[in-house]
């Protein structure tokens, strides 16, 4: 297998007033294609910051983030947007759906960005895969939390990306709905041969992954 993610000596700092806080410290990481990897850590450990760097939504002060062999720092914002829409699917805890768009329209966004003509039929198929064929014309406000997250998953998989990044995807859901959503996400990624990076504080969810990385004080403290 070949690495789909390669991080080299990544450092990221923030300032709170005059106080400098090192969120990530000289972090190295290699993740292979088709791996399912959990990143565990307490609140403030740098998990979401790491995911933002992997998604190209933020930049490190030092180090290199390479996804699918591409150094993200070498891309313009337009190139990065296109690269992300083709190669990554992102699932957020807060869903991040467009409230003025239907489920079908929300799911079709990545392919619209790529100027793919068949985006509507592809969106219908993606929603069918997550069990929402009966909710195509519904707006987010008309959907339950679990349904909104299914729409978000459909949007993440529609362009058949190599990499799925998930930030606490079941965090806003009750236990039963959260389990359904995670079972769905794990199954879709494995069936489609996609790499899944799951940021979570849930040790039970982490056990369902191939590998777990524990982030503490800006570094990986242990792997298991």
N, C-alpha and C. Protein backbone atom coordinates (compact mmCIF):
# COMPACT_ATOMS: atom_id res chain seq x y z
N UNK A 1 0.83 -1.20 0.00
CA UNK A 1 0.00 0.00 0.00
C UNK A 1 0.87 1.26 0.00
N UNK A 2 0.33 2.35 -0.51
CA UNK A 2 1.06 3.62 -0.54
C UNK A 2 0.38 4.61 0.40
N UNK A 3 1.19 5.57 0.89
CA UNK A 3 0.67 6.57 1.82
C UNK A 3 -0.26 7.53 1.09
N UNK A 4 -1.41 7.77 1.69
CA UNK A 4 -2.32 8.78 1.16
C UNK A 4 -2.15 10.09 1.92
N UNK A 5 -1.66 9.98 3.16
CA UNK A 5 -1.38 11.14 4.00
C UNK A 5 0.05 11.07 4.49
N UNK A 6 0.77 12.17 4.36
CA UNK A 6 2.13 12.24 4.88
C UNK A 6 2.33 13.61 5.54
N UNK A 7 2.53 13.62 6.84
CA UNK A 7 2.83 14.84 7.57
C UNK A 7 4.29 14.81 8.00
N UNK A 8 4.99 15.92 7.77
CA UNK A 8 6.40 16.00 8.13
C UNK A 8 6.64 17.21 9.04
N UNK A 9 6.92 16.92 10.30
CA UNK A 9 7.33 17.94 11.29
C UNK A 9 6.37 19.13 11.31
N UNK A 10 5.08 18.81 11.47
CA UNK A 10 4.04 19.84 11.49
C UNK A 10 3.99 20.53 12.84
N UNK A 11 4.04 21.86 12.82
CA UNK A 11 3.87 22.65 14.03
C UNK A 11 2.79 23.71 13.80
N UNK A 12 1.98 23.93 14.82
CA UNK A 12 0.91 24.92 14.74
C UNK A 12 0.75 25.61 16.09
N UNK A 13 0.76 26.94 16.08
CA UNK A 13 0.61 27.70 17.32
C UNK A 13 -0.52 28.71 17.18
N UNK A 14 -1.09 29.05 18.34
CA UNK A 14 -2.07 30.12 18.42
C UNK A 14 -1.67 31.06 19.54
N UNK A 15 -2.22 32.25 19.51
CA UNK A 15 -1.98 33.20 20.60
C UNK A 15 -3.30 33.50 21.31
N UNK A 16 -3.28 33.42 22.63
CA UNK A 16 -4.38 33.90 23.46
C UNK A 16 -3.86 35.12 24.20
N UNK A 17 -4.20 36.29 23.67
CA UNK A 17 -3.59 37.51 24.18
C UNK A 17 -2.11 37.49 23.83
N UNK A 18 -1.26 37.58 24.83
CA UNK A 18 0.18 37.53 24.59
C UNK A 18 0.74 36.13 24.81
N UNK A 19 -0.12 35.21 25.20
CA UNK A 19 0.34 33.84 25.48
C UNK A 19 0.37 33.00 24.21
N UNK A 20 1.52 32.40 23.95
CA UNK A 20 1.69 31.53 22.79
C UNK A 20 1.38 30.09 23.18
N UNK A 21 0.48 29.47 22.42
CA UNK A 21 0.08 28.10 22.72
C UNK A 21 0.46 27.20 21.55
N UNK A 22 1.30 26.23 21.82
CA UNK A 22 1.69 25.27 20.80
C UNK A 22 0.64 24.16 20.74
N UNK A 23 -0.13 24.13 19.68
CA UNK A 23 -1.20 23.15 19.55
C UNK A 23 -0.65 21.83 19.01
N UNK A 24 0.19 21.92 17.98
CA UNK A 24 0.84 20.74 17.41
C UNK A 24 2.35 20.99 17.38
N UNK A 25 3.11 19.96 17.77
CA UNK A 25 4.56 20.13 17.93
C UNK A 25 5.32 19.08 17.12
N UNK A 26 5.90 19.51 16.02
CA UNK A 26 6.77 18.64 15.23
C UNK A 26 6.12 17.27 14.97
N UNK A 27 4.90 17.32 14.49
CA UNK A 27 4.10 16.10 14.34
C UNK A 27 4.41 15.40 13.02
N UNK A 28 4.64 14.10 13.09
CA UNK A 28 4.84 13.27 11.90
C UNK A 28 3.74 12.22 11.82
N UNK A 29 3.30 11.93 10.60
CA UNK A 29 2.23 10.94 10.44
C UNK A 29 2.24 10.38 9.03
N UNK A 30 2.07 9.07 8.93
CA UNK A 30 1.89 8.39 7.65
C UNK A 30 0.63 7.54 7.75
N UNK A 31 -0.28 7.70 6.80
CA UNK A 31 -1.49 6.89 6.75
C UNK A 31 -1.61 6.28 5.36
N UNK A 32 -1.85 5.00 5.32
CA UNK A 32 -1.89 4.26 4.06
C UNK A 32 -3.29 4.31 3.44
N UNK A 33 -3.35 4.07 2.14
CA UNK A 33 -4.63 3.97 1.44
C UNK A 33 -5.47 2.86 2.05
N UNK A 34 -6.76 3.10 2.16
CA UNK A 34 -7.77 2.15 2.66
C UNK A 34 -7.72 1.95 4.18
N UNK A 35 -6.86 2.67 4.87
CA UNK A 35 -6.83 2.55 6.33
C UNK A 35 -8.01 3.30 6.95
N UNK A 36 -8.46 2.80 8.10
CA UNK A 36 -9.44 3.50 8.94
C UNK A 36 -8.73 3.83 10.24
N UNK A 37 -8.48 5.11 10.48
CA UNK A 37 -7.65 5.54 11.60
C UNK A 37 -8.44 6.48 12.51
N UNK A 38 -8.42 6.18 13.80
CA UNK A 38 -9.05 7.05 14.79
C UNK A 38 -7.98 7.93 15.43
N UNK A 39 -8.32 9.19 15.62
CA UNK A 39 -7.45 10.12 16.35
C UNK A 39 -8.19 10.50 17.63
N UNK A 40 -7.68 10.00 18.75
CA UNK A 40 -8.29 10.22 20.06
C UNK A 40 -7.56 11.33 20.79
N UNK A 41 -8.28 12.03 21.65
CA UNK A 41 -7.64 13.05 22.47
C UNK A 41 -8.69 13.86 23.20
N UNK A 42 -8.29 14.44 24.32
CA UNK A 42 -9.20 15.27 25.08
C UNK A 42 -9.44 16.59 24.36
N UNK A 43 -10.45 17.31 24.80
CA UNK A 43 -10.74 18.63 24.24
C UNK A 43 -9.52 19.52 24.40
N UNK A 44 -9.14 20.19 23.32
CA UNK A 44 -7.97 21.06 23.35
C UNK A 44 -6.66 20.38 23.04
N UNK A 45 -6.71 19.09 22.71
CA UNK A 45 -5.48 18.35 22.43
C UNK A 45 -4.92 18.61 21.03
N UNK A 46 -5.73 19.24 20.17
CA UNK A 46 -5.28 19.56 18.82
C UNK A 46 -5.90 18.70 17.74
N UNK A 47 -6.91 17.88 18.08
CA UNK A 47 -7.52 16.96 17.10
C UNK A 47 -8.15 17.72 15.94
N UNK A 48 -9.00 18.68 16.25
CA UNK A 48 -9.69 19.42 15.19
C UNK A 48 -8.72 20.28 14.39
N UNK A 49 -7.70 20.82 15.06
CA UNK A 49 -6.67 21.58 14.35
C UNK A 49 -5.97 20.69 13.34
N UNK A 50 -5.63 19.47 13.77
CA UNK A 50 -4.98 18.52 12.86
C UNK A 50 -5.87 18.22 11.66
N UNK A 51 -7.17 18.02 11.90
CA UNK A 51 -8.08 17.72 10.81
C UNK A 51 -8.19 18.90 9.84
N UNK A 52 -8.18 20.12 10.37
CA UNK A 52 -8.22 21.31 9.52
C UNK A 52 -6.99 21.40 8.63
N UNK A 53 -5.83 21.01 9.16
CA UNK A 53 -4.61 21.01 8.36
C UNK A 53 -4.69 19.94 7.27
N UNK A 54 -5.21 18.77 7.61
CA UNK A 54 -5.34 17.71 6.62
C UNK A 54 -6.29 18.11 5.49
N UNK A 55 -7.31 18.89 5.84
CA UNK A 55 -8.30 19.32 4.85
C UNK A 55 -7.84 20.54 4.06
N UNK A 56 -6.71 21.12 4.44
CA UNK A 56 -6.26 22.33 3.77
C UNK A 56 -7.08 23.55 4.14
N UNK A 57 -7.82 23.47 5.26
CA UNK A 57 -8.62 24.60 5.73
C UNK A 57 -7.78 25.54 6.60
N UNK A 58 -6.61 25.08 6.98
CA UNK A 58 -5.68 25.88 7.76
C UNK A 58 -4.26 25.47 7.34
N UNK A 59 -3.28 26.29 7.68
CA UNK A 59 -1.90 26.02 7.29
C UNK A 59 -1.01 25.90 8.53
N UNK A 60 -0.04 25.00 8.50
CA UNK A 60 0.91 24.92 9.61
C UNK A 60 1.93 26.04 9.54
N UNK A 61 2.52 26.41 10.70
CA UNK A 61 3.63 27.36 10.67
C UNK A 61 4.87 26.71 10.07
N UNK A 62 5.07 25.46 10.43
CA UNK A 62 6.22 24.71 9.95
C UNK A 62 5.77 23.32 9.49
N UNK A 63 6.52 22.74 8.57
CA UNK A 63 6.25 21.38 8.16
C UNK A 63 5.46 21.28 6.87
N UNK A 64 5.26 20.05 6.42
CA UNK A 64 4.63 19.77 5.13
C UNK A 64 3.44 18.84 5.30
N UNK A 65 2.31 19.22 4.68
CA UNK A 65 1.13 18.38 4.62
C UNK A 65 0.96 17.88 3.19
N UNK A 66 1.12 16.60 2.97
CA UNK A 66 0.96 16.01 1.63
C UNK A 66 -0.23 15.05 1.64
N UNK A 67 -1.14 15.26 0.71
CA UNK A 67 -2.31 14.41 0.54
C UNK A 67 -2.29 13.86 -0.88
N UNK A 68 -2.36 12.56 -1.02
CA UNK A 68 -2.32 11.93 -2.35
C UNK A 68 -1.09 12.39 -3.13
N UNK A 69 0.01 12.59 -2.43
CA UNK A 69 1.26 13.00 -3.07
C UNK A 69 1.37 14.49 -3.37
N UNK A 70 0.34 15.26 -3.01
CA UNK A 70 0.32 16.70 -3.30
C UNK A 70 0.62 17.51 -2.04
N UNK A 71 1.65 18.35 -2.10
CA UNK A 71 1.94 19.29 -1.03
C UNK A 71 0.89 20.40 -1.08
N UNK A 72 0.04 20.46 -0.04
CA UNK A 72 -1.08 21.41 -0.08
C UNK A 72 -0.62 22.85 -0.11
N UNK A 73 0.55 23.14 0.44
CA UNK A 73 1.05 24.52 0.49
C UNK A 73 1.38 25.06 -0.90
N UNK A 74 1.53 24.19 -1.87
CA UNK A 74 1.90 24.62 -3.23
C UNK A 74 0.69 24.92 -4.11
N UNK A 75 -0.51 24.78 -3.53
CA UNK A 75 -1.74 25.04 -4.29
C UNK A 75 -2.30 26.42 -3.98
N UNK A 76 -2.83 27.09 -5.02
CA UNK A 76 -3.57 28.33 -4.79
C UNK A 76 -4.90 27.98 -4.14
N UNK A 77 -5.62 28.99 -3.68
CA UNK A 77 -6.91 28.73 -3.04
C UNK A 77 -7.88 28.06 -4.01
N UNK A 78 -7.91 28.49 -5.26
CA UNK A 78 -8.78 27.87 -6.25
C UNK A 78 -8.36 26.42 -6.52
N UNK A 79 -7.05 26.20 -6.65
CA UNK A 79 -6.55 24.84 -6.88
C UNK A 79 -6.84 23.94 -5.70
N UNK A 80 -6.70 24.51 -4.49
CA UNK A 80 -6.96 23.75 -3.28
C UNK A 80 -8.44 23.36 -3.19
N UNK A 81 -9.32 24.28 -3.55
CA UNK A 81 -10.75 24.00 -3.54
C UNK A 81 -11.09 22.86 -4.50
N UNK A 82 -10.51 22.90 -5.69
CA UNK A 82 -10.73 21.83 -6.67
C UNK A 82 -10.13 20.51 -6.20
N UNK A 83 -8.94 20.58 -5.64
CA UNK A 83 -8.27 19.37 -5.13
C UNK A 83 -9.10 18.73 -4.03
N UNK A 84 -9.61 19.57 -3.12
CA UNK A 84 -10.42 19.08 -2.00
C UNK A 84 -11.72 18.43 -2.50
N UNK A 85 -12.37 19.06 -3.47
CA UNK A 85 -13.65 18.54 -3.95
C UNK A 85 -13.49 17.20 -4.66
N UNK A 86 -12.32 16.96 -5.25
CA UNK A 86 -12.07 15.70 -5.96
C UNK A 86 -11.54 14.60 -5.06
N UNK A 87 -10.73 14.97 -4.06
CA UNK A 87 -9.98 13.97 -3.31
C UNK A 87 -10.41 13.77 -1.87
N UNK A 88 -11.22 14.70 -1.34
CA UNK A 88 -11.60 14.61 0.07
C UNK A 88 -13.10 14.75 0.25
N UNK A 89 -13.60 14.02 1.23
CA UNK A 89 -14.96 14.23 1.71
C UNK A 89 -14.85 14.55 3.18
N UNK A 90 -15.58 15.58 3.64
CA UNK A 90 -15.47 16.01 5.04
C UNK A 90 -16.84 15.93 5.71
N UNK A 91 -16.87 15.29 6.88
CA UNK A 91 -18.09 15.17 7.67
C UNK A 91 -17.86 15.87 9.00
N UNK A 92 -18.65 16.91 9.26
CA UNK A 92 -18.48 17.70 10.49
C UNK A 92 -19.51 17.30 11.54
N UNK A 93 -19.19 17.59 12.78
CA UNK A 93 -20.14 17.35 13.88
C UNK A 93 -21.40 18.18 13.69
N UNK A 94 -21.24 19.42 13.19
CA UNK A 94 -22.38 20.34 13.06
C UNK A 94 -23.05 20.27 11.68
N UNK A 95 -22.72 19.25 10.89
CA UNK A 95 -23.30 18.97 9.57
C UNK A 95 -22.84 19.94 8.47
N UNK A 96 -22.87 21.26 8.77
CA UNK A 96 -22.46 22.29 7.79
C UNK A 96 -23.21 22.16 6.47
N UNK A 97 -24.53 22.01 6.57
CA UNK A 97 -25.38 22.01 5.37
C UNK A 97 -25.83 23.43 5.07
N UNK A 98 -26.13 23.69 3.79
CA UNK A 98 -26.67 24.99 3.40
C UNK A 98 -28.17 24.98 3.66
N UNK A 99 -28.62 25.85 4.57
CA UNK A 99 -30.02 25.81 5.01
C UNK A 99 -31.02 26.15 3.91
N UNK A 100 -30.57 26.90 2.90
CA UNK A 100 -31.48 27.32 1.82
C UNK A 100 -31.48 26.34 0.66
N UNK A 101 -30.77 25.23 0.79
CA UNK A 101 -30.72 24.21 -0.26
C UNK A 101 -31.38 22.92 0.23
N UNK A 102 -31.99 22.20 -0.70
CA UNK A 102 -32.58 20.91 -0.35
C UNK A 102 -31.47 19.88 -0.11
N UNK A 103 -31.88 18.72 0.39
CA UNK A 103 -30.92 17.63 0.59
C UNK A 103 -30.22 17.31 -0.73
N UNK A 104 -30.98 17.22 -1.81
CA UNK A 104 -30.41 16.89 -3.12
C UNK A 104 -29.41 17.95 -3.56
N UNK A 105 -29.74 19.21 -3.36
CA UNK A 105 -28.85 20.30 -3.77
C UNK A 105 -27.59 20.34 -2.91
N UNK A 106 -27.74 20.10 -1.60
CA UNK A 106 -26.57 20.07 -0.72
C UNK A 106 -25.59 18.98 -1.13
N UNK A 107 -26.11 17.81 -1.44
CA UNK A 107 -25.25 16.68 -1.78
C UNK A 107 -24.53 16.91 -3.11
N UNK A 108 -25.17 17.61 -4.03
CA UNK A 108 -24.58 17.81 -5.35
C UNK A 108 -23.46 18.84 -5.41
N UNK A 109 -23.25 19.61 -4.32
CA UNK A 109 -22.29 20.72 -4.34
C UNK A 109 -20.88 20.32 -4.80
N UNK A 110 -20.28 19.23 -4.26
CA UNK A 110 -18.91 18.91 -4.70
C UNK A 110 -18.78 18.68 -6.20
N UNK A 111 -19.77 18.03 -6.80
CA UNK A 111 -19.70 17.78 -8.24
C UNK A 111 -20.00 19.04 -9.04
N UNK A 112 -20.85 19.91 -8.50
CA UNK A 112 -21.07 21.21 -9.16
C UNK A 112 -19.77 22.01 -9.21
N UNK A 113 -19.01 21.97 -8.11
CA UNK A 113 -17.72 22.67 -8.07
C UNK A 113 -16.78 22.15 -9.14
N UNK A 114 -16.90 20.84 -9.43
CA UNK A 114 -16.05 20.23 -10.46
C UNK A 114 -16.65 20.38 -11.86
N UNK A 115 -17.82 21.04 -11.94
CA UNK A 115 -18.52 21.26 -13.21
C UNK A 115 -18.88 19.94 -13.89
N UNK A 116 -19.32 18.98 -13.07
CA UNK A 116 -19.78 17.69 -13.57
C UNK A 116 -21.26 17.80 -13.95
N UNK A 117 -21.60 17.41 -15.16
CA UNK A 117 -22.96 17.60 -15.65
C UNK A 117 -24.00 16.72 -14.95
N UNK A 118 -23.59 15.52 -14.55
CA UNK A 118 -24.58 14.58 -14.02
C UNK A 118 -24.69 14.66 -12.50
N UNK A 119 -24.41 15.84 -11.94
CA UNK A 119 -24.35 15.94 -10.48
C UNK A 119 -25.69 15.60 -9.81
N UNK A 120 -26.81 15.91 -10.47
CA UNK A 120 -28.10 15.66 -9.83
C UNK A 120 -28.39 14.16 -9.73
N UNK A 121 -28.13 13.42 -10.80
CA UNK A 121 -28.36 11.97 -10.74
C UNK A 121 -27.40 11.31 -9.76
N UNK A 122 -26.17 11.81 -9.68
CA UNK A 122 -25.20 11.28 -8.73
C UNK A 122 -25.64 11.58 -7.30
N UNK A 123 -26.21 12.76 -7.08
CA UNK A 123 -26.70 13.12 -5.75
C UNK A 123 -27.87 12.23 -5.34
N UNK A 124 -28.74 11.92 -6.29
CA UNK A 124 -29.85 11.00 -5.99
C UNK A 124 -29.32 9.63 -5.57
N UNK A 125 -28.30 9.15 -6.27
CA UNK A 125 -27.73 7.84 -5.97
C UNK A 125 -27.04 7.86 -4.59
N UNK A 126 -26.34 8.94 -4.30
CA UNK A 126 -25.67 9.05 -3.00
C UNK A 126 -26.67 9.07 -1.85
N UNK A 127 -27.76 9.80 -2.05
CA UNK A 127 -28.80 9.84 -1.01
C UNK A 127 -29.49 8.48 -0.86
N UNK A 128 -29.61 7.77 -1.96
CA UNK A 128 -30.16 6.41 -1.89
C UNK A 128 -29.25 5.51 -1.06
N UNK A 129 -27.95 5.67 -1.22
CA UNK A 129 -26.99 4.85 -0.48
C UNK A 129 -27.06 5.07 1.02
N UNK A 130 -27.46 6.27 1.44
CA UNK A 130 -27.58 6.55 2.88
C UNK A 130 -29.02 6.45 3.37
N UNK A 131 -29.90 5.92 2.52
CA UNK A 131 -31.28 5.65 2.94
C UNK A 131 -32.19 6.86 2.97
N UNK A 132 -31.93 7.86 2.12
CA UNK A 132 -32.74 9.08 2.14
C UNK A 132 -33.37 9.41 0.79
N UNK A 133 -33.70 8.39 0.02
CA UNK A 133 -34.36 8.64 -1.27
C UNK A 133 -35.69 9.38 -1.10
N UNK A 134 -36.30 9.25 0.08
CA UNK A 134 -37.60 9.88 0.33
C UNK A 134 -37.46 11.30 0.87
N UNK A 135 -36.24 11.83 0.96
CA UNK A 135 -36.02 13.15 1.54
C UNK A 135 -35.32 14.12 0.58
N UNK A 136 -35.36 13.84 -0.71
CA UNK A 136 -34.60 14.63 -1.68
C UNK A 136 -34.94 16.11 -1.64
N UNK A 137 -36.20 16.43 -1.52
CA UNK A 137 -36.65 17.82 -1.63
C UNK A 137 -36.77 18.52 -0.28
N UNK A 138 -36.36 17.87 0.77
CA UNK A 138 -36.47 18.45 2.11
C UNK A 138 -35.27 19.35 2.41
N UNK A 139 -35.53 20.43 3.15
CA UNK A 139 -34.49 21.33 3.60
C UNK A 139 -33.95 20.86 4.96
N UNK A 140 -32.73 21.26 5.34
CA UNK A 140 -32.16 20.81 6.60
C UNK A 140 -33.08 21.01 7.81
N UNK A 141 -33.81 22.12 7.84
CA UNK A 141 -34.69 22.39 8.98
C UNK A 141 -35.84 21.39 9.07
N UNK A 142 -36.11 20.68 7.98
CA UNK A 142 -37.18 19.69 7.95
C UNK A 142 -36.67 18.27 8.24
N UNK A 143 -35.38 18.15 8.52
CA UNK A 143 -34.77 16.85 8.75
C UNK A 143 -34.32 16.70 10.20
N UNK A 144 -34.30 15.46 10.68
CA UNK A 144 -33.76 15.20 12.02
C UNK A 144 -32.24 15.32 12.00
N UNK A 145 -31.64 15.30 13.18
CA UNK A 145 -30.18 15.37 13.25
C UNK A 145 -29.52 14.22 12.53
N UNK A 146 -30.06 13.02 12.72
CA UNK A 146 -29.50 11.85 12.06
C UNK A 146 -29.64 11.94 10.55
N UNK A 147 -30.77 12.48 10.08
CA UNK A 147 -30.96 12.64 8.63
C UNK A 147 -30.01 13.69 8.07
N UNK A 148 -29.79 14.78 8.82
CA UNK A 148 -28.84 15.81 8.37
C UNK A 148 -27.44 15.21 8.23
N UNK A 149 -27.07 14.36 9.18
CA UNK A 149 -25.74 13.77 9.10
C UNK A 149 -25.64 12.77 7.95
N UNK A 150 -26.73 12.09 7.63
CA UNK A 150 -26.74 11.21 6.45
C UNK A 150 -26.57 12.03 5.17
N UNK A 151 -27.21 13.19 5.11
CA UNK A 151 -27.02 14.08 3.96
C UNK A 151 -25.55 14.50 3.87
N UNK A 152 -24.96 14.82 5.02
CA UNK A 152 -23.55 15.23 5.04
C UNK A 152 -22.64 14.10 4.57
N UNK A 153 -22.96 12.87 4.95
CA UNK A 153 -22.18 11.73 4.50
C UNK A 153 -22.33 11.52 3.00
N UNK A 154 -23.57 11.66 2.50
CA UNK A 154 -23.80 11.54 1.06
C UNK A 154 -23.00 12.58 0.29
N UNK A 155 -22.97 13.79 0.82
CA UNK A 155 -22.17 14.87 0.19
C UNK A 155 -20.68 14.52 0.20
N UNK A 156 -20.23 13.89 1.30
CA UNK A 156 -18.81 13.55 1.43
C UNK A 156 -18.38 12.46 0.46
N UNK A 157 -19.29 11.55 0.10
CA UNK A 157 -18.91 10.41 -0.73
C UNK A 157 -19.23 10.59 -2.20
N UNK A 158 -19.98 11.64 -2.57
CA UNK A 158 -20.54 11.73 -3.92
C UNK A 158 -19.46 11.76 -5.00
N UNK A 159 -18.33 12.39 -4.74
CA UNK A 159 -17.30 12.49 -5.77
C UNK A 159 -16.32 11.32 -5.71
N UNK A 160 -16.68 10.30 -4.91
CA UNK A 160 -15.83 9.11 -4.75
C UNK A 160 -14.40 9.49 -4.37
N UNK A 161 -14.25 10.31 -3.32
CA UNK A 161 -12.91 10.75 -2.93
C UNK A 161 -12.10 9.61 -2.32
N UNK A 162 -10.80 9.77 -2.34
CA UNK A 162 -9.93 8.74 -1.75
C UNK A 162 -9.91 8.84 -0.23
N UNK A 163 -10.23 10.03 0.29
CA UNK A 163 -10.06 10.30 1.71
C UNK A 163 -11.33 10.90 2.30
N UNK A 164 -11.79 10.33 3.44
CA UNK A 164 -12.90 10.89 4.19
C UNK A 164 -12.36 11.36 5.54
N UNK A 165 -12.60 12.63 5.86
CA UNK A 165 -12.22 13.21 7.14
C UNK A 165 -13.49 13.44 7.95
N UNK A 166 -13.56 12.88 9.15
CA UNK A 166 -14.77 12.98 9.97
C UNK A 166 -14.43 13.53 11.35
N UNK A 167 -15.05 14.65 11.70
CA UNK A 167 -14.78 15.31 12.99
C UNK A 167 -15.97 15.12 13.92
N UNK A 168 -15.85 14.16 14.84
CA UNK A 168 -16.92 13.86 15.81
C UNK A 168 -18.28 13.75 15.11
N UNK A 169 -18.41 12.91 14.09
CA UNK A 169 -19.63 12.90 13.28
C UNK A 169 -20.88 12.46 14.02
N UNK A 170 -20.73 11.78 15.15
CA UNK A 170 -21.91 11.36 15.91
C UNK A 170 -22.07 12.18 17.19
N UNK A 171 -21.26 13.23 17.34
CA UNK A 171 -21.23 13.99 18.58
C UNK A 171 -22.51 14.69 18.94
N UNK A 172 -23.33 15.05 17.95
CA UNK A 172 -24.58 15.77 18.22
C UNK A 172 -25.79 14.85 18.24
N UNK A 173 -25.55 13.55 18.17
CA UNK A 173 -26.66 12.60 18.02
C UNK A 173 -26.82 11.75 19.28
N UNK A 174 -28.05 11.25 19.48
CA UNK A 174 -28.24 10.32 20.60
C UNK A 174 -27.50 9.01 20.30
N UNK A 175 -27.35 8.18 21.32
CA UNK A 175 -26.51 6.99 21.20
C UNK A 175 -26.94 6.07 20.06
N UNK A 176 -28.22 5.80 19.96
CA UNK A 176 -28.70 4.86 18.93
C UNK A 176 -28.50 5.43 17.53
N UNK A 177 -28.88 6.70 17.35
CA UNK A 177 -28.70 7.34 16.03
C UNK A 177 -27.23 7.45 15.69
N UNK A 178 -26.42 7.79 16.70
CA UNK A 178 -24.98 7.90 16.47
C UNK A 178 -24.37 6.59 16.02
N UNK A 179 -24.82 5.49 16.63
CA UNK A 179 -24.31 4.17 16.23
C UNK A 179 -24.70 3.84 14.79
N UNK A 180 -25.94 4.15 14.43
CA UNK A 180 -26.41 3.92 13.05
C UNK A 180 -25.55 4.71 12.06
N UNK A 181 -25.30 5.98 12.38
CA UNK A 181 -24.52 6.84 11.50
C UNK A 181 -23.09 6.32 11.34
N UNK A 182 -22.48 5.91 12.45
CA UNK A 182 -21.10 5.44 12.37
C UNK A 182 -21.01 4.09 11.66
N UNK A 183 -21.96 3.21 11.90
CA UNK A 183 -21.99 1.93 11.18
C UNK A 183 -22.08 2.18 9.68
N UNK A 184 -22.93 3.15 9.30
CA UNK A 184 -23.09 3.51 7.89
C UNK A 184 -21.78 4.05 7.32
N UNK A 185 -21.14 4.95 8.05
CA UNK A 185 -19.91 5.56 7.56
C UNK A 185 -18.80 4.53 7.42
N UNK A 186 -18.64 3.67 8.42
CA UNK A 186 -17.62 2.61 8.34
C UNK A 186 -17.88 1.69 7.15
N UNK A 187 -19.13 1.30 6.97
CA UNK A 187 -19.47 0.37 5.89
C UNK A 187 -19.21 0.98 4.53
N UNK A 188 -19.65 2.23 4.33
CA UNK A 188 -19.47 2.89 3.04
C UNK A 188 -17.99 3.04 2.70
N UNK A 189 -17.20 3.44 3.68
CA UNK A 189 -15.76 3.64 3.42
C UNK A 189 -15.08 2.31 3.08
N UNK A 190 -15.44 1.26 3.79
CA UNK A 190 -14.80 -0.03 3.54
C UNK A 190 -15.27 -0.61 2.20
N UNK A 191 -16.55 -0.47 1.91
CA UNK A 191 -17.08 -1.00 0.65
C UNK A 191 -16.47 -0.27 -0.55
N UNK A 192 -16.17 1.00 -0.39
CA UNK A 192 -15.70 1.83 -1.49
C UNK A 192 -14.18 2.00 -1.50
N UNK A 193 -13.50 1.35 -0.55
CA UNK A 193 -12.04 1.42 -0.51
C UNK A 193 -11.49 2.79 -0.17
N UNK A 194 -12.22 3.53 0.67
CA UNK A 194 -11.79 4.88 1.02
C UNK A 194 -11.06 4.90 2.35
N UNK A 195 -10.10 5.77 2.47
CA UNK A 195 -9.39 5.99 3.73
C UNK A 195 -10.25 6.87 4.62
N UNK A 196 -10.42 6.48 5.87
CA UNK A 196 -11.23 7.25 6.82
C UNK A 196 -10.37 7.70 7.99
N UNK A 197 -10.37 9.00 8.25
CA UNK A 197 -9.73 9.57 9.43
C UNK A 197 -10.85 10.06 10.34
N UNK A 198 -10.96 9.46 11.50
CA UNK A 198 -12.04 9.76 12.43
C UNK A 198 -11.49 10.44 13.68
N UNK A 199 -11.82 11.71 13.86
CA UNK A 199 -11.48 12.42 15.08
C UNK A 199 -12.61 12.19 16.09
N UNK A 200 -12.25 11.70 17.26
CA UNK A 200 -13.28 11.35 18.24
C UNK A 200 -12.69 11.36 19.65
N UNK A 201 -13.57 11.42 20.63
CA UNK A 201 -13.15 11.20 22.02
C UNK A 201 -13.74 9.88 22.52
N UNK A 202 -14.43 9.16 21.62
CA UNK A 202 -15.15 7.93 21.96
C UNK A 202 -14.26 6.72 21.74
N UNK A 203 -13.86 6.08 22.82
CA UNK A 203 -12.94 4.94 22.72
C UNK A 203 -13.59 3.74 22.04
N UNK A 204 -14.91 3.58 22.20
CA UNK A 204 -15.60 2.46 21.55
C UNK A 204 -15.59 2.62 20.03
N UNK A 205 -15.79 3.84 19.56
CA UNK A 205 -15.72 4.09 18.13
C UNK A 205 -14.31 3.83 17.61
N UNK A 206 -13.33 4.23 18.38
CA UNK A 206 -11.95 4.05 17.97
C UNK A 206 -11.61 2.57 17.78
N UNK A 207 -12.22 1.72 18.61
CA UNK A 207 -11.96 0.28 18.52
C UNK A 207 -12.40 -0.31 17.18
N UNK A 208 -13.35 0.35 16.52
CA UNK A 208 -13.84 -0.14 15.23
C UNK A 208 -12.89 0.21 14.08
N UNK A 209 -11.87 1.03 14.37
CA UNK A 209 -10.91 1.44 13.34
C UNK A 209 -9.73 0.47 13.30
N UNK A 210 -8.96 0.54 12.22
CA UNK A 210 -7.78 -0.31 12.08
C UNK A 210 -6.67 0.10 13.03
N UNK A 211 -6.61 1.39 13.33
CA UNK A 211 -5.49 1.92 14.13
C UNK A 211 -5.96 3.13 14.90
N UNK A 212 -5.42 3.32 16.09
CA UNK A 212 -5.77 4.47 16.92
C UNK A 212 -4.52 5.27 17.26
N UNK A 213 -4.60 6.58 17.07
CA UNK A 213 -3.52 7.49 17.45
C UNK A 213 -4.05 8.39 18.56
N UNK A 214 -3.26 8.53 19.62
CA UNK A 214 -3.67 9.33 20.76
C UNK A 214 -2.89 10.63 20.77
N UNK A 215 -3.62 11.74 20.64
CA UNK A 215 -3.00 13.06 20.57
C UNK A 215 -3.07 13.71 21.95
N UNK A 216 -1.92 14.11 22.47
CA UNK A 216 -1.85 14.73 23.79
C UNK A 216 -0.73 15.76 23.79
N UNK A 217 -1.09 16.96 24.22
CA UNK A 217 -0.11 18.05 24.29
C UNK A 217 0.62 18.25 22.96
N UNK A 218 -0.12 18.10 21.87
CA UNK A 218 0.43 18.42 20.55
C UNK A 218 1.25 17.33 19.90
N UNK A 219 1.34 16.17 20.56
CA UNK A 219 2.10 15.06 20.00
C UNK A 219 1.34 13.76 20.14
N UNK A 220 1.67 12.79 19.30
CA UNK A 220 1.11 11.46 19.45
C UNK A 220 1.83 10.77 20.59
N UNK A 221 1.08 10.48 21.66
CA UNK A 221 1.68 9.91 22.86
C UNK A 221 1.78 8.39 22.78
N UNK A 222 0.86 7.78 22.08
CA UNK A 222 0.87 6.31 22.00
C UNK A 222 0.08 5.88 20.79
N UNK A 223 0.38 4.74 20.28
CA UNK A 223 -0.42 4.12 19.22
C UNK A 223 -0.78 2.72 19.68
N UNK A 224 -1.92 2.23 19.21
CA UNK A 224 -2.33 0.88 19.59
C UNK A 224 -3.19 0.30 18.49
